[in-house]
N, C-alpha and C. Protein backbone atom coordinates (compact mmCIF):
# COMPACT_ATOMS: atom_id res chain seq x y z
N MET A 1 72.50 136.07 126.85
CA MET A 1 72.15 136.39 125.47
C MET A 1 73.22 137.29 124.83
N ARG A 2 73.78 138.21 125.62
CA ARG A 2 74.84 139.07 125.09
C ARG A 2 76.09 138.25 124.77
N ASP A 3 76.42 137.31 125.65
CA ASP A 3 77.57 136.44 125.40
C ASP A 3 77.35 135.60 124.15
N LEU A 4 76.14 135.09 124.01
CA LEU A 4 75.82 134.27 122.85
C LEU A 4 75.97 135.07 121.55
N LYS A 5 75.51 136.31 121.61
CA LYS A 5 75.61 137.18 120.44
C LYS A 5 77.06 137.45 120.06
N ASN A 6 77.92 137.44 121.09
CA ASN A 6 79.34 137.71 120.85
C ASN A 6 80.13 136.43 120.55
N GLY A 7 79.42 135.31 120.42
CA GLY A 7 80.06 134.06 120.03
C GLY A 7 80.65 133.25 121.15
N ALA A 8 80.34 133.60 122.41
CA ALA A 8 80.88 132.85 123.55
C ALA A 8 80.16 131.52 123.71
N LYS A 9 80.84 130.55 124.30
CA LYS A 9 80.23 129.26 124.61
C LYS A 9 79.54 129.37 125.96
N LEU A 10 78.26 129.04 125.99
CA LEU A 10 77.47 129.20 127.21
C LEU A 10 77.61 127.99 128.12
N PRO A 11 77.54 128.21 129.45
CA PRO A 11 77.60 127.09 130.41
C PRO A 11 76.38 126.19 130.29
N GLY A 12 76.50 125.00 130.85
CA GLY A 12 75.50 123.97 130.68
C GLY A 12 74.06 124.36 130.96
N SER A 13 73.82 125.09 132.06
CA SER A 13 72.45 125.39 132.46
C SER A 13 71.73 126.31 131.47
N VAL A 14 72.49 127.08 130.68
CA VAL A 14 71.87 127.99 129.71
C VAL A 14 72.34 127.71 128.29
N ALA A 15 73.01 126.58 128.07
CA ALA A 15 73.52 126.25 126.74
C ALA A 15 72.39 126.13 125.72
N TYR A 16 71.18 125.82 126.19
CA TYR A 16 70.06 125.65 125.28
C TYR A 16 69.66 126.95 124.57
N LEU A 17 70.16 128.09 125.07
CA LEU A 17 69.84 129.37 124.43
C LEU A 17 70.38 129.44 123.00
N ALA A 18 71.34 128.58 122.72
CA ALA A 18 71.90 128.55 121.36
C ALA A 18 71.09 127.65 120.43
N CYS A 19 70.03 127.04 120.96
CA CYS A 19 69.22 126.10 120.19
C CYS A 19 68.45 126.83 119.09
N ASP A 20 68.38 126.23 117.93
CA ASP A 20 67.62 126.81 116.82
C ASP A 20 66.43 125.95 116.45
N CYS A 21 65.95 125.15 117.42
CA CYS A 21 64.82 124.25 117.18
C CYS A 21 63.53 125.06 117.00
N LYS A 22 62.59 124.47 116.29
CA LYS A 22 61.32 125.11 115.96
C LYS A 22 60.16 124.32 116.56
N PRO A 23 59.01 124.96 116.76
CA PRO A 23 57.83 124.26 117.31
C PRO A 23 57.45 123.03 116.50
N GLN A 24 57.60 123.11 115.17
CA GLN A 24 57.23 121.97 114.33
C GLN A 24 58.15 120.76 114.51
N ASP A 25 59.30 120.99 115.18
CA ASP A 25 60.22 119.88 115.44
C ASP A 25 59.77 119.03 116.63
N VAL A 26 58.82 119.54 117.39
CA VAL A 26 58.38 118.86 118.61
C VAL A 26 57.23 117.93 118.30
N GLY A 27 57.28 116.71 118.85
CA GLY A 27 56.22 115.74 118.64
C GLY A 27 54.94 116.14 119.34
N ARG A 28 53.93 115.31 119.20
CA ARG A 28 52.64 115.59 119.81
C ARG A 28 52.19 114.49 120.77
N ASP A 29 53.14 113.68 121.22
CA ASP A 29 52.84 112.70 122.26
C ASP A 29 53.13 113.35 123.61
N PHE A 30 52.09 113.86 124.25
CA PHE A 30 52.28 114.65 125.47
C PHE A 30 52.45 113.80 126.73
N THR A 31 52.61 112.50 126.53
CA THR A 31 53.01 111.63 127.64
C THR A 31 54.48 111.25 127.52
N ASP A 32 55.13 111.77 126.49
CA ASP A 32 56.54 111.49 126.26
C ASP A 32 57.39 112.56 126.93
N PHE A 33 58.35 112.14 127.75
CA PHE A 33 59.17 113.09 128.49
C PHE A 33 59.97 114.01 127.58
N LYS A 34 60.51 113.48 126.50
CA LYS A 34 61.31 114.30 125.60
C LYS A 34 60.46 115.39 124.94
N THR A 35 59.24 115.03 124.59
CA THR A 35 58.34 116.01 123.98
C THR A 35 58.04 117.14 124.96
N LEU A 36 57.73 116.78 126.21
CA LEU A 36 57.40 117.79 127.22
C LEU A 36 58.61 118.67 127.53
N ALA A 37 59.79 118.05 127.64
CA ALA A 37 60.99 118.83 127.92
C ALA A 37 61.28 119.81 126.77
N SER A 38 61.04 119.38 125.55
CA SER A 38 61.26 120.26 124.39
C SER A 38 60.29 121.43 124.40
N LEU A 39 59.04 121.18 124.80
CA LEU A 39 58.07 122.27 124.90
C LEU A 39 58.49 123.29 125.94
N TYR A 40 58.95 122.81 127.07
CA TYR A 40 59.41 123.73 128.13
C TYR A 40 60.64 124.51 127.67
N LYS A 41 61.51 123.85 126.91
CA LYS A 41 62.71 124.54 126.42
C LYS A 41 62.33 125.66 125.45
N LEU A 42 61.41 125.37 124.54
CA LEU A 42 60.99 126.37 123.57
C LEU A 42 60.24 127.52 124.25
N ARG A 43 59.47 127.19 125.25
CA ARG A 43 58.79 128.25 126.00
C ARG A 43 59.80 129.17 126.68
N ALA A 44 60.81 128.58 127.32
CA ALA A 44 61.85 129.38 127.98
C ALA A 44 62.61 130.22 126.96
N LEU A 45 62.95 129.62 125.83
CA LEU A 45 63.64 130.36 124.78
C LEU A 45 62.84 131.59 124.34
N GLY A 46 61.54 131.38 124.13
CA GLY A 46 60.69 132.46 123.69
C GLY A 46 60.62 133.59 124.70
N GLN A 47 60.46 133.24 125.98
CA GLN A 47 60.35 134.25 127.02
C GLN A 47 61.66 135.00 127.23
N ILE A 48 62.77 134.27 127.16
CA ILE A 48 64.08 134.91 127.36
C ILE A 48 64.42 135.83 126.19
N ARG A 49 64.17 135.37 124.99
CA ARG A 49 64.47 136.20 123.83
C ARG A 49 63.60 137.45 123.81
N PHE A 50 62.35 137.32 124.21
CA PHE A 50 61.47 138.48 124.24
C PHE A 50 61.94 139.47 125.31
N ALA A 51 62.29 138.97 126.49
CA ALA A 51 62.78 139.85 127.55
C ALA A 51 64.07 140.54 127.11
N ASN A 52 64.93 139.79 126.44
CA ASN A 52 66.18 140.37 125.95
C ASN A 52 65.92 141.48 124.93
N SER A 53 64.92 141.26 124.09
CA SER A 53 64.60 142.29 123.09
C SER A 53 64.12 143.56 123.77
N LYS A 54 63.41 143.45 124.87
CA LYS A 54 62.95 144.62 125.62
C LYS A 54 64.13 145.37 126.23
N VAL A 55 65.08 144.62 126.76
CA VAL A 55 66.27 145.26 127.36
C VAL A 55 67.06 145.98 126.28
N GLU A 56 67.26 145.32 125.15
CA GLU A 56 68.02 145.94 124.06
C GLU A 56 67.30 147.17 123.51
N ALA A 57 65.98 147.12 123.46
CA ALA A 57 65.21 148.27 122.97
C ALA A 57 65.39 149.46 123.90
N GLY A 58 65.40 149.19 125.20
CA GLY A 58 65.60 150.26 126.16
C GLY A 58 66.96 150.90 126.02
N MET A 59 67.98 150.09 125.80
CA MET A 59 69.34 150.62 125.63
C MET A 59 69.47 151.39 124.32
N ALA A 60 68.74 150.94 123.31
CA ALA A 60 68.77 151.65 122.02
C ALA A 60 68.15 153.04 122.15
N GLN A 61 67.29 153.21 123.15
CA GLN A 61 66.65 154.51 123.39
C GLN A 61 67.48 155.41 124.30
N GLY A 62 68.67 154.92 124.66
CA GLY A 62 69.58 155.75 125.44
C GLY A 62 69.66 155.41 126.92
N LYS A 63 68.90 154.43 127.38
CA LYS A 63 68.96 154.03 128.79
C LYS A 63 70.21 153.19 129.03
N ASP A 64 70.71 153.23 130.28
CA ASP A 64 71.82 152.34 130.60
C ASP A 64 71.29 150.94 130.88
N LEU A 65 72.19 149.99 131.09
CA LEU A 65 71.78 148.60 131.26
C LEU A 65 70.86 148.43 132.47
N VAL A 66 71.23 149.08 133.59
CA VAL A 66 70.42 148.96 134.81
C VAL A 66 69.01 149.49 134.57
N GLY A 67 68.92 150.65 133.92
CA GLY A 67 67.62 151.24 133.64
C GLY A 67 66.79 150.36 132.72
N SER A 68 67.42 149.79 131.72
CA SER A 68 66.71 148.92 130.78
C SER A 68 66.23 147.64 131.46
N LEU A 69 67.08 147.08 132.31
CA LEU A 69 66.69 145.87 133.05
C LEU A 69 65.51 146.16 133.97
N ASN A 70 65.55 147.30 134.62
CA ASN A 70 64.47 147.67 135.53
C ASN A 70 63.16 147.85 134.78
N GLU A 71 63.22 148.49 133.63
CA GLU A 71 62.01 148.73 132.83
C GLU A 71 61.42 147.42 132.29
N ALA A 72 62.28 146.45 132.06
CA ALA A 72 61.83 145.16 131.51
C ALA A 72 61.65 144.11 132.60
N SER A 73 61.57 144.53 133.85
CA SER A 73 61.57 143.57 134.98
C SER A 73 60.41 142.57 134.92
N VAL A 74 59.25 143.03 134.47
CA VAL A 74 58.11 142.11 134.38
C VAL A 74 58.42 140.96 133.43
N TYR A 75 59.01 141.28 132.30
CA TYR A 75 59.34 140.25 131.31
C TYR A 75 60.51 139.39 131.77
N LEU A 76 61.41 140.00 132.53
CA LEU A 76 62.55 139.25 133.05
C LEU A 76 62.10 138.22 134.08
N VAL A 77 61.11 138.58 134.90
CA VAL A 77 60.57 137.63 135.87
C VAL A 77 59.92 136.46 135.15
N ARG A 78 59.14 136.75 134.12
CA ARG A 78 58.51 135.68 133.34
C ARG A 78 59.56 134.78 132.71
N ALA A 79 60.64 135.39 132.21
CA ALA A 79 61.73 134.62 131.61
C ALA A 79 62.41 133.73 132.64
N ALA A 80 62.62 134.29 133.84
CA ALA A 80 63.26 133.52 134.91
C ALA A 80 62.41 132.33 135.32
N ILE A 81 61.10 132.54 135.42
CA ILE A 81 60.18 131.44 135.79
C ILE A 81 60.20 130.36 134.72
N ALA A 82 60.15 130.79 133.45
CA ALA A 82 60.15 129.81 132.35
C ALA A 82 61.45 129.02 132.33
N HIS A 83 62.58 129.69 132.55
CA HIS A 83 63.87 129.01 132.59
C HIS A 83 63.91 128.00 133.74
N THR A 84 63.42 128.41 134.90
CA THR A 84 63.42 127.52 136.06
C THR A 84 62.55 126.30 135.83
N HIS A 85 61.37 126.51 135.24
CA HIS A 85 60.48 125.39 134.96
C HIS A 85 61.15 124.38 134.03
N TYR A 86 61.80 124.90 132.99
CA TYR A 86 62.49 124.01 132.06
C TYR A 86 63.61 123.26 132.78
N TYR A 87 64.36 123.96 133.59
CA TYR A 87 65.48 123.34 134.32
C TYR A 87 64.97 122.21 135.22
N VAL A 88 63.87 122.46 135.93
CA VAL A 88 63.32 121.45 136.84
C VAL A 88 62.78 120.26 136.05
N VAL A 89 61.99 120.52 135.01
CA VAL A 89 61.41 119.43 134.22
C VAL A 89 62.50 118.58 133.59
N ARG A 90 63.47 119.22 132.96
CA ARG A 90 64.55 118.48 132.30
C ARG A 90 65.32 117.62 133.29
N ASN A 91 65.70 118.20 134.42
CA ASN A 91 66.47 117.45 135.41
C ASN A 91 65.64 116.38 136.12
N PHE A 92 64.36 116.67 136.33
CA PHE A 92 63.46 115.68 136.92
C PHE A 92 63.44 114.43 136.05
N PHE A 93 63.23 114.63 134.75
CA PHE A 93 63.18 113.50 133.83
C PHE A 93 64.51 112.76 133.76
N GLU A 94 65.60 113.52 133.67
CA GLU A 94 66.92 112.91 133.54
C GLU A 94 67.31 112.12 134.78
N LYS A 95 67.02 112.67 135.95
CA LYS A 95 67.43 112.01 137.19
C LYS A 95 66.67 110.72 137.43
N ILE A 96 65.36 110.74 137.23
CA ILE A 96 64.62 109.50 137.51
C ILE A 96 64.93 108.44 136.46
N SER A 97 65.27 108.85 135.26
CA SER A 97 65.62 107.88 134.22
C SER A 97 66.93 107.18 134.54
N ALA A 98 67.78 107.84 135.34
CA ALA A 98 69.08 107.27 135.68
C ALA A 98 69.05 106.45 136.97
N LEU A 99 67.90 106.43 137.65
CA LEU A 99 67.79 105.71 138.92
C LEU A 99 67.75 104.21 138.70
N SER A 100 68.26 103.49 139.68
CA SER A 100 68.16 102.03 139.67
C SER A 100 67.25 101.62 140.83
N VAL A 101 65.96 101.59 140.56
CA VAL A 101 64.97 101.29 141.60
C VAL A 101 63.99 100.25 141.06
N SER A 102 63.11 99.78 141.90
CA SER A 102 62.13 98.79 141.49
C SER A 102 61.19 99.37 140.44
N SER A 103 60.60 98.51 139.67
CA SER A 103 59.69 98.96 138.60
C SER A 103 58.47 99.67 139.18
N SER A 104 57.98 99.22 140.34
CA SER A 104 56.81 99.85 140.95
C SER A 104 57.13 101.27 141.42
N LEU A 105 58.32 101.46 142.01
CA LEU A 105 58.72 102.80 142.44
C LEU A 105 58.98 103.69 141.23
N MET A 106 59.59 103.14 140.19
CA MET A 106 59.85 103.91 138.99
C MET A 106 58.55 104.39 138.35
N GLU A 107 57.53 103.55 138.40
CA GLU A 107 56.24 103.93 137.83
C GLU A 107 55.64 105.12 138.58
N VAL A 108 55.75 105.11 139.90
CA VAL A 108 55.22 106.22 140.70
C VAL A 108 55.98 107.51 140.41
N LEU A 109 57.31 107.41 140.32
CA LEU A 109 58.13 108.59 140.03
C LEU A 109 57.81 109.15 138.65
N HIS A 110 57.57 108.27 137.70
CA HIS A 110 57.20 108.71 136.36
C HIS A 110 55.85 109.43 136.39
N GLN A 111 54.93 108.91 137.18
CA GLN A 111 53.61 109.54 137.29
C GLN A 111 53.73 110.95 137.86
N VAL A 112 54.53 111.10 138.91
CA VAL A 112 54.70 112.40 139.54
C VAL A 112 55.38 113.38 138.57
N ALA A 113 56.41 112.92 137.89
CA ALA A 113 57.13 113.77 136.94
C ALA A 113 56.21 114.18 135.80
N LEU A 114 55.45 113.23 135.29
CA LEU A 114 54.55 113.52 134.18
C LEU A 114 53.47 114.52 134.61
N PHE A 115 52.91 114.31 135.79
CA PHE A 115 51.88 115.23 136.28
C PHE A 115 52.44 116.64 136.47
N TYR A 116 53.64 116.73 137.03
CA TYR A 116 54.26 118.04 137.24
C TYR A 116 54.39 118.79 135.91
N ALA A 117 54.86 118.09 134.89
CA ALA A 117 55.06 118.73 133.59
C ALA A 117 53.73 119.11 132.94
N LEU A 118 52.77 118.20 132.98
CA LEU A 118 51.47 118.47 132.36
C LEU A 118 50.75 119.61 133.07
N ASP A 119 50.75 119.57 134.40
CA ASP A 119 50.06 120.61 135.16
C ASP A 119 50.73 121.96 134.96
N GLY A 120 52.07 121.97 134.83
CA GLY A 120 52.78 123.22 134.58
C GLY A 120 52.37 123.86 133.27
N ILE A 121 52.15 123.03 132.26
CA ILE A 121 51.69 123.56 130.97
C ILE A 121 50.26 124.08 131.09
N ALA A 122 49.41 123.32 131.78
CA ALA A 122 48.02 123.75 131.95
C ALA A 122 47.93 125.07 132.70
N GLN A 123 48.78 125.25 133.71
CA GLN A 123 48.75 126.46 134.52
C GLN A 123 49.35 127.66 133.78
N ASN A 124 50.22 127.41 132.82
CA ASN A 124 50.89 128.49 132.09
C ASN A 124 50.62 128.39 130.59
N SER A 125 49.43 127.95 130.25
CA SER A 125 49.11 127.65 128.85
C SER A 125 49.26 128.85 127.93
N GLY A 126 49.02 130.05 128.46
CA GLY A 126 49.13 131.24 127.63
C GLY A 126 50.49 131.40 127.00
N GLU A 127 51.53 131.09 127.74
CA GLU A 127 52.89 131.27 127.21
C GLU A 127 53.23 130.21 126.17
N PHE A 128 52.59 129.06 126.26
CA PHE A 128 52.81 128.02 125.24
C PHE A 128 51.99 128.33 123.98
N LEU A 129 50.87 129.02 124.19
CA LEU A 129 50.02 129.38 123.05
C LEU A 129 50.57 130.57 122.28
N GLU A 130 51.09 131.56 123.01
CA GLU A 130 51.48 132.81 122.35
C GLU A 130 52.63 132.65 121.38
N ASP A 131 53.47 131.64 121.58
CA ASP A 131 54.58 131.39 120.66
C ASP A 131 54.27 130.28 119.66
N GLY A 132 53.01 129.83 119.66
CA GLY A 132 52.60 128.81 118.70
C GLY A 132 53.14 127.43 119.01
N LEU A 133 53.54 127.21 120.26
CA LEU A 133 54.05 125.89 120.62
C LEU A 133 52.93 124.87 120.71
N LEU A 134 51.76 125.33 121.12
CA LEU A 134 50.60 124.46 121.27
C LEU A 134 49.37 125.14 120.69
N SER A 135 48.40 124.33 120.31
CA SER A 135 47.11 124.86 119.86
C SER A 135 46.13 124.80 121.03
N GLY A 136 44.99 125.42 120.85
CA GLY A 136 43.96 125.35 121.89
C GLY A 136 43.55 123.92 122.18
N ALA A 137 43.45 123.12 121.12
CA ALA A 137 43.08 121.71 121.30
C ALA A 137 44.17 120.96 122.06
N ASP A 138 45.43 121.31 121.79
CA ASP A 138 46.54 120.67 122.51
C ASP A 138 46.44 120.96 124.01
N VAL A 139 46.18 122.22 124.34
CA VAL A 139 46.09 122.61 125.75
C VAL A 139 44.94 121.88 126.45
N LYS A 140 43.80 121.79 125.77
CA LYS A 140 42.67 121.06 126.36
C LYS A 140 43.03 119.60 126.59
N GLY A 141 43.73 119.02 125.62
CA GLY A 141 44.13 117.63 125.77
C GLY A 141 45.11 117.43 126.91
N ILE A 142 46.06 118.37 127.06
CA ILE A 142 47.04 118.28 128.14
C ILE A 142 46.37 118.47 129.49
N ARG A 143 45.42 119.40 129.55
CA ARG A 143 44.69 119.61 130.80
C ARG A 143 43.93 118.34 131.21
N GLN A 144 43.34 117.67 130.23
CA GLN A 144 42.62 116.43 130.52
C GLN A 144 43.59 115.33 130.96
N LEU A 145 44.75 115.28 130.32
CA LEU A 145 45.75 114.28 130.73
C LEU A 145 46.17 114.48 132.17
N SER A 146 46.34 115.75 132.59
CA SER A 146 46.74 116.03 133.98
C SER A 146 45.64 115.62 134.95
N VAL A 147 44.38 115.83 134.55
CA VAL A 147 43.26 115.40 135.40
C VAL A 147 43.21 113.88 135.48
N ASP A 148 43.47 113.24 134.36
CA ASP A 148 43.46 111.76 134.34
C ASP A 148 44.55 111.17 135.23
N MET A 149 45.61 111.95 135.48
CA MET A 149 46.70 111.46 136.32
C MET A 149 46.32 111.41 137.79
N LEU A 150 45.36 112.23 138.19
CA LEU A 150 45.05 112.38 139.62
C LEU A 150 44.65 111.08 140.31
N PRO A 151 43.71 110.29 139.76
CA PRO A 151 43.38 109.04 140.45
C PRO A 151 44.53 108.05 140.52
N ARG A 152 45.46 108.14 139.55
CA ARG A 152 46.61 107.24 139.57
C ARG A 152 47.59 107.64 140.67
N ILE A 153 47.73 108.95 140.88
CA ILE A 153 48.64 109.43 141.92
C ILE A 153 48.01 109.33 143.30
N ARG A 154 46.69 109.47 143.35
CA ARG A 154 45.99 109.52 144.63
C ARG A 154 46.26 108.29 145.49
N VAL A 155 46.36 107.12 144.87
CA VAL A 155 46.56 105.89 145.64
C VAL A 155 47.89 105.89 146.37
N ASN A 156 48.83 106.72 145.92
CA ASN A 156 50.15 106.79 146.56
C ASN A 156 50.38 108.13 147.26
N ALA A 157 49.32 108.94 147.37
CA ALA A 157 49.48 110.30 147.90
C ALA A 157 50.04 110.30 149.31
N VAL A 158 49.52 109.42 150.18
CA VAL A 158 49.98 109.39 151.57
C VAL A 158 51.45 108.97 151.64
N ALA A 159 51.80 107.95 150.87
CA ALA A 159 53.18 107.47 150.87
C ALA A 159 54.13 108.53 150.33
N LEU A 160 53.69 109.28 149.32
CA LEU A 160 54.54 110.33 148.75
C LEU A 160 54.79 111.44 149.76
N VAL A 161 53.76 111.81 150.51
CA VAL A 161 53.94 112.84 151.55
C VAL A 161 54.80 112.30 152.69
N ASP A 162 54.55 111.05 153.08
CA ASP A 162 55.33 110.44 154.17
C ASP A 162 56.81 110.35 153.81
N ALA A 163 57.12 110.25 152.52
CA ALA A 163 58.51 110.13 152.08
C ALA A 163 59.32 111.37 152.45
N PHE A 164 58.65 112.50 152.63
CA PHE A 164 59.34 113.73 153.04
C PHE A 164 59.54 113.80 154.55
N GLU A 165 58.92 112.86 155.27
CA GLU A 165 59.03 112.77 156.73
C GLU A 165 58.61 114.07 157.43
N PHE A 166 57.52 114.66 156.95
CA PHE A 166 56.97 115.82 157.64
C PHE A 166 56.32 115.36 158.93
N GLY A 167 56.64 116.02 160.04
CA GLY A 167 56.01 115.70 161.31
C GLY A 167 54.64 116.36 161.41
N ASP A 168 53.84 115.92 162.38
CA ASP A 168 52.51 116.49 162.57
C ASP A 168 52.58 117.97 162.89
N ASP A 169 53.65 118.40 163.59
CA ASP A 169 53.77 119.81 163.94
C ASP A 169 54.02 120.66 162.70
N VAL A 170 54.65 120.07 161.68
CA VAL A 170 54.90 120.80 160.43
C VAL A 170 53.64 120.80 159.56
N LEU A 171 52.98 119.65 159.48
CA LEU A 171 51.78 119.56 158.67
C LEU A 171 50.68 120.46 159.21
N GLY A 172 50.57 120.55 160.53
CA GLY A 172 49.56 121.41 161.14
C GLY A 172 48.16 121.09 160.66
N SER A 173 47.87 119.82 160.47
CA SER A 173 46.57 119.41 159.94
C SER A 173 45.88 118.46 160.88
N VAL A 174 44.58 118.66 161.05
CA VAL A 174 43.80 117.73 161.88
C VAL A 174 43.62 116.40 161.15
N LEU A 175 43.42 116.48 159.84
CA LEU A 175 43.13 115.27 159.06
C LEU A 175 44.40 114.57 158.58
N GLY A 176 45.44 115.34 158.23
CA GLY A 176 46.66 114.74 157.71
C GLY A 176 47.58 114.29 158.82
N ARG A 177 47.15 113.29 159.56
CA ARG A 177 47.90 112.83 160.72
C ARG A 177 48.86 111.71 160.36
N TYR A 178 50.06 111.77 160.94
CA TYR A 178 51.05 110.72 160.70
C TYR A 178 50.58 109.39 161.29
N ASP A 179 49.90 109.47 162.47
CA ASP A 179 49.49 108.22 163.13
C ASP A 179 48.22 107.63 162.53
N GLY A 180 47.55 108.37 161.66
CA GLY A 180 46.36 107.85 161.00
C GLY A 180 45.09 107.93 161.82
N ASN A 181 45.18 108.43 163.06
CA ASN A 181 43.99 108.52 163.92
C ASN A 181 43.20 109.79 163.60
N VAL A 182 42.58 109.77 162.45
CA VAL A 182 41.91 110.97 161.95
C VAL A 182 40.75 111.40 162.83
N TYR A 183 39.83 110.49 163.08
CA TYR A 183 38.59 110.87 163.77
C TYR A 183 38.82 111.14 165.25
N GLU A 184 39.73 110.39 165.87
CA GLU A 184 40.04 110.65 167.28
C GLU A 184 40.63 112.06 167.44
N ASN A 185 41.52 112.43 166.54
CA ASN A 185 42.14 113.75 166.63
C ASN A 185 41.18 114.86 166.24
N LEU A 186 40.29 114.56 165.32
CA LEU A 186 39.28 115.56 164.93
C LEU A 186 38.36 115.85 166.12
N PHE A 187 37.98 114.81 166.86
CA PHE A 187 37.12 114.99 168.04
C PHE A 187 37.86 115.76 169.13
N LYS A 188 39.14 115.41 169.32
CA LYS A 188 39.95 116.11 170.33
C LYS A 188 40.12 117.58 169.96
N TRP A 189 40.34 117.85 168.68
CA TRP A 189 40.49 119.22 168.21
C TRP A 189 39.22 120.02 168.47
N ALA A 190 38.06 119.40 168.22
CA ALA A 190 36.78 120.07 168.45
C ALA A 190 36.59 120.37 169.93
N GLN A 191 36.99 119.44 170.79
CA GLN A 191 36.86 119.65 172.23
C GLN A 191 37.72 120.82 172.71
N ASN A 192 38.88 120.97 172.12
CA ASN A 192 39.82 122.02 172.54
C ASN A 192 39.56 123.37 171.86
N SER A 193 38.63 123.39 170.93
CA SER A 193 38.32 124.64 170.24
C SER A 193 37.72 125.66 171.21
N SER A 194 38.10 126.91 171.05
CA SER A 194 37.56 127.97 171.92
C SER A 194 36.05 128.09 171.77
N LEU A 195 35.51 127.68 170.62
CA LEU A 195 34.07 127.73 170.41
C LEU A 195 33.31 126.77 171.30
N ASN A 196 34.03 125.76 171.80
CA ASN A 196 33.37 124.74 172.62
C ASN A 196 33.74 124.83 174.09
N LYS A 197 34.32 125.94 174.51
CA LYS A 197 34.66 126.11 175.92
C LYS A 197 33.41 126.30 176.77
N THR A 198 32.37 126.86 176.19
CA THR A 198 31.09 127.05 176.91
C THR A 198 29.97 126.52 176.05
N ASP A 199 28.82 126.23 176.69
CA ASP A 199 27.67 125.73 175.94
C ASP A 199 27.17 126.77 174.95
N VAL A 200 27.19 128.02 175.36
CA VAL A 200 26.76 129.11 174.50
C VAL A 200 27.92 130.08 174.36
N HIS A 201 28.24 130.48 173.16
CA HIS A 201 29.37 131.38 172.94
C HIS A 201 29.10 132.73 173.61
N PRO A 202 30.12 133.33 174.24
CA PRO A 202 29.95 134.62 174.94
C PRO A 202 29.35 135.72 174.07
N SER A 203 29.58 135.66 172.77
CA SER A 203 29.04 136.69 171.89
C SER A 203 27.51 136.70 171.90
N TYR A 204 26.92 135.53 172.20
CA TYR A 204 25.46 135.49 172.26
C TYR A 204 24.95 136.39 173.39
N HIS A 205 25.55 136.26 174.57
CA HIS A 205 25.12 137.06 175.72
C HIS A 205 25.45 138.53 175.52
N LYS A 206 26.53 138.80 174.80
CA LYS A 206 26.97 140.19 174.65
C LYS A 206 26.20 140.93 173.55
N TYR A 207 25.85 140.25 172.48
CA TYR A 207 25.26 140.94 171.34
C TYR A 207 23.85 140.46 170.99
N ILE A 208 23.68 139.15 170.86
CA ILE A 208 22.43 138.64 170.33
C ILE A 208 21.30 138.70 171.36
N ARG A 209 21.59 138.25 172.61
CA ARG A 209 20.53 138.22 173.63
C ARG A 209 19.97 139.62 173.90
N PRO A 210 20.83 140.65 174.09
CA PRO A 210 20.28 142.00 174.29
C PRO A 210 19.42 142.47 173.12
N LEU A 211 19.82 142.12 171.93
CA LEU A 211 19.04 142.51 170.74
C LEU A 211 17.68 141.83 170.75
N LEU A 212 17.66 140.54 171.10
CA LEU A 212 16.39 139.82 171.16
C LEU A 212 15.48 140.38 172.23
N LYS A 213 16.04 140.72 173.38
CA LYS A 213 15.24 141.26 174.47
C LYS A 213 14.67 142.63 174.11
N ARG A 214 15.45 143.42 173.42
CA ARG A 214 14.99 144.75 173.02
C ARG A 214 13.81 144.62 172.04
N ASN A 215 13.94 143.66 171.12
CA ASN A 215 12.85 143.47 170.16
C ASN A 215 11.62 142.91 170.82
N GLN A 216 11.80 142.06 171.83
CA GLN A 216 10.65 141.50 172.57
C GLN A 216 9.88 142.59 173.30
N SER A 217 10.63 143.55 173.85
CA SER A 217 9.98 144.60 174.61
C SER A 217 9.12 145.47 173.70
N LYS A 218 9.54 145.63 172.47
CA LYS A 218 8.77 146.42 171.51
C LYS A 218 7.47 145.73 171.14
N LEU A 219 7.53 144.38 171.10
CA LEU A 219 6.32 143.64 170.79
C LEU A 219 5.32 143.72 171.94
C-alpha cells in the first residue's frame, strides 16, 4: 500500500490493490466465477485498506512502523486471510478453465471450485456484509447455493478423496477405508478395542461393584 501510494507498479499477486472497482460493478449471478472472484477481490481490498489505515493512524500518533504493525496485528491477520482467499479462488478458477480434460471431469472440478467459493463467503459473510458487498438476502441465497451443491459433490466424494492417494494410515478412519471393507474393519476395530478385552470393564469391579455392595448392606 505504501508503494502504491508512492506511484510504484505492484507485482502481479498484489496488483489488484490498484483497482478502483465498486460493489455496484459486481453482478449478482453467484454461480458465475467472475462474479465470485470479484467479490473476493473487493473483500480483500476492503480488509487490506482498513488494516493499512490502522497502521498509518498508529504512525501518525508517533509510533514506529514495527509498533504500529504490532498494534494492528488483528486487522493485518484478517487482511492476510482475505488476500489468501482471493488468491486461491482466482487461481482455482483460472487454472481449471485452462485445463484440457473431459467434460465430465471439468464438471466435477467446477463443482468443487464453486462450492469452495460459495462456502468461503458463507463462512466469512460478515466481512462481505460490512463493506456493502452483499446484502443479507444475498448471503442467505449464497448459503443455500452452497448447501445445494452438497448432493452434487457427494456422488464423487470418494473419488475426490482417492485422487489425493491418502493411505489408510494417514486417513486413520475405521469407515473411510481404501479397500472399501467398512463393516469387516469396523468389527475388527471393535474386537481390538480395550473396552472389549474383558466381558466386564475393570472399572466396574473397582468402582461400581463396591458402591453397589455398600448400598445393599445398608438396605
